[in-house]
Amino acid sequence: MKRSFRRRITALRGLTLAAVAAASLVVACDEFIGDEAERALKEYEGKTYIMKSTVTVNDDSLVKGQRVKIKMLWGKDWVKVRGYAADIDPLVAKQVLMLYIFKTDFPGGKFSREHMLEKFREIAVPVAK
């Protein structure tokens, strides 16, 4: 009786390890934004931009010519850029969704920093130093 129970536990452990390994492989193969791209996206957050056009979401707006800073967010199959007035503390500033791009919007369904920046530059450009 004890041997049978031990065999079942050993078999369950083997199946659990196999399931975890398979899930890890699926997640790794479906990586939309890699570590290098994540670091690059975070670098854009420290800069100031000038709005090229007005963006309004509900009652909140970022107007053409306004200086803004951005917050980059991303998930399994999307990238969001939220903007807020550059002269306001980011912890209290109202953020406005400036750009929302899905995996299917990228050529071949693969993240491209160049494609994302092309879309972003239609809305805002970096302040010249």
Protein backbone atom coordinates (compact mmCIF):
# COMPACT_ATOMS: atom_id res chain seq x y z
CA MET A 1 0.00 0.00 0.00
CA LYS A 2 2.78 2.44 0.90
CA ARG A 3 4.69 1.64 -2.33
CA SER A 4 1.64 2.29 -4.45
CA PHE A 5 1.12 5.66 -2.76
CA ARG A 6 4.79 6.59 -3.23
CA ARG A 7 4.63 5.67 -6.93
CA ARG A 8 1.58 7.88 -7.40
CA ILE A 9 3.27 10.80 -5.65
CA THR A 10 6.41 10.33 -7.76
CA ALA A 11 4.32 10.17 -10.94
CA LEU A 12 2.42 13.33 -9.94
CA ARG A 13 5.68 15.16 -9.27
CA GLY A 14 6.94 14.17 -12.71
CA LEU A 15 3.74 15.38 -14.36
CA THR A 16 3.84 18.64 -12.40
CA LEU A 17 7.43 19.31 -13.47
CA ALA A 18 6.57 18.51 -17.08
CA ALA A 19 3.58 20.87 -16.97
CA VAL A 20 5.67 23.69 -15.49
CA ALA A 21 8.39 23.17 -18.10
CA ALA A 22 5.83 23.18 -20.94
CA ALA A 23 4.17 26.34 -19.61
CA SER A 24 7.56 28.07 -19.33
CA LEU A 25 8.38 27.14 -22.91
CA VAL A 26 5.06 28.51 -24.17
CA VAL A 27 5.56 31.79 -22.30
CA ALA A 28 9.16 32.12 -23.51
CA CYS A 29 8.17 31.48 -27.13
CA ASP A 30 5.37 34.02 -26.97
CA GLU A 31 7.45 36.88 -25.56
CA PHE A 32 6.23 40.08 -27.21
CA ILE A 33 8.65 42.53 -25.64
CA GLY A 34 12.04 41.26 -24.54
CA ASP A 35 14.19 42.53 -21.69
CA GLU A 36 16.26 44.78 -23.97
CA ALA A 37 13.14 46.44 -25.40
CA GLU A 38 11.73 46.90 -21.88
CA ARG A 39 14.87 48.77 -20.82
CA ALA A 40 14.69 50.92 -23.96
CA LEU A 41 11.02 51.76 -23.37
CA LYS A 42 11.77 52.81 -19.79
CA GLU A 43 14.43 55.25 -21.08
CA TYR A 44 11.74 57.27 -22.87
CA GLU A 45 10.04 58.02 -19.56
CA GLY A 46 12.73 60.39 -18.35
CA LYS A 47 12.40 62.83 -21.25
CA THR A 48 10.12 65.77 -21.97
CA TYR A 49 8.06 65.88 -25.17
CA ILE A 50 6.00 68.48 -27.00
CA MET A 51 2.55 67.51 -28.21
CA LYS A 52 2.14 67.74 -32.00
CA SER A 53 -1.61 67.31 -31.75
CA THR A 54 -4.27 67.45 -29.06
CA VAL A 55 -5.26 64.18 -27.42
CA THR A 56 -8.49 64.04 -25.44
CA VAL A 57 -9.78 61.10 -23.45
CA ASN A 58 -13.07 61.72 -21.66
CA ASP A 59 -12.63 65.17 -20.08
CA ASP A 60 -8.82 65.06 -19.87
CA SER A 61 -6.64 66.55 -22.61
CA LEU A 62 -3.05 67.09 -23.60
CA VAL A 63 -3.06 70.03 -26.02
CA LYS A 64 -0.92 70.78 -29.04
CA GLY A 65 2.29 72.54 -27.99
CA GLN A 66 2.07 71.37 -24.36
CA ARG A 67 5.17 69.93 -22.70
CA VAL A 68 4.51 66.42 -21.42
CA LYS A 69 6.26 63.48 -19.85
CA ILE A 70 5.23 59.91 -20.47
CA LYS A 71 4.69 56.62 -18.72
CA MET A 72 5.23 53.45 -20.76
CA LEU A 73 3.15 50.37 -19.98
CA TRP A 74 3.10 47.01 -21.73
CA GLY A 75 1.60 43.59 -21.46
CA LYS A 76 1.59 40.26 -23.24
CA ASP A 77 0.31 41.74 -26.51
CA TRP A 78 0.06 45.53 -26.15
CA VAL A 79 1.95 48.76 -25.48
CA LYS A 80 0.40 51.88 -23.93
CA VAL A 81 1.85 55.36 -23.68
CA ARG A 82 0.26 57.64 -21.10
CA GLY A 83 1.15 61.31 -20.95
CA TYR A 84 0.90 63.97 -18.29
CA ALA A 85 1.83 67.65 -17.97
CA ALA A 86 5.60 67.96 -17.55
CA ASP A 87 5.32 70.59 -14.82
CA ILE A 88 3.18 68.43 -12.50
CA ASP A 89 4.43 65.75 -10.12
CA PRO A 90 3.79 62.37 -11.81
CA LEU A 91 2.26 60.96 -8.62
CA VAL A 92 -0.61 63.47 -8.71
CA ALA A 93 -0.83 64.27 -12.43
CA LYS A 94 -3.80 63.09 -14.46
CA GLN A 95 -2.49 60.74 -17.09
CA VAL A 96 -4.01 60.69 -20.56
CA LEU A 97 -3.78 57.67 -22.84
CA MET A 98 -1.78 58.93 -25.83
CA LEU A 99 -1.13 55.69 -27.68
CA TYR A 100 -2.36 52.11 -27.45
CA ILE A 101 -0.80 49.62 -29.86
CA PHE A 102 -1.59 45.92 -30.03
CA LYS A 103 0.66 43.06 -31.12
CA THR A 104 -1.39 42.72 -34.31
CA ASP A 105 -0.57 46.35 -35.20
CA PHE A 106 3.14 45.54 -35.45
CA PRO A 107 4.56 44.11 -38.68
CA GLY A 108 4.56 40.33 -38.38
CA GLY A 109 3.10 40.57 -34.87
CA LYS A 110 6.60 41.23 -33.48
CA PHE A 111 7.42 44.24 -31.33
CA SER A 112 9.46 46.86 -33.15
CA ARG A 113 10.77 49.89 -31.31
CA GLU A 114 11.03 51.75 -34.60
CA HIS A 115 7.36 51.11 -35.45
CA MET A 116 6.26 52.14 -31.96
CA LEU A 117 8.33 55.35 -32.14
CA GLU A 118 6.95 56.15 -35.59
CA LYS A 119 3.41 56.02 -34.19
CA PHE A 120 4.40 58.01 -31.10
CA ARG A 121 6.12 60.74 -33.15
CA GLU A 122 2.81 61.39 -34.90
CA ILE A 123 1.55 62.61 -31.52
CA ALA A 124 4.59 64.06 -29.73
CA VAL A 125 8.28 64.79 -30.30
CA PRO A 126 11.19 65.15 -27.87
CA VAL A 127 12.08 68.65 -26.70
CA ALA A 128 15.24 69.83 -28.45
CA LYS A 129 18.09 70.26 -25.98
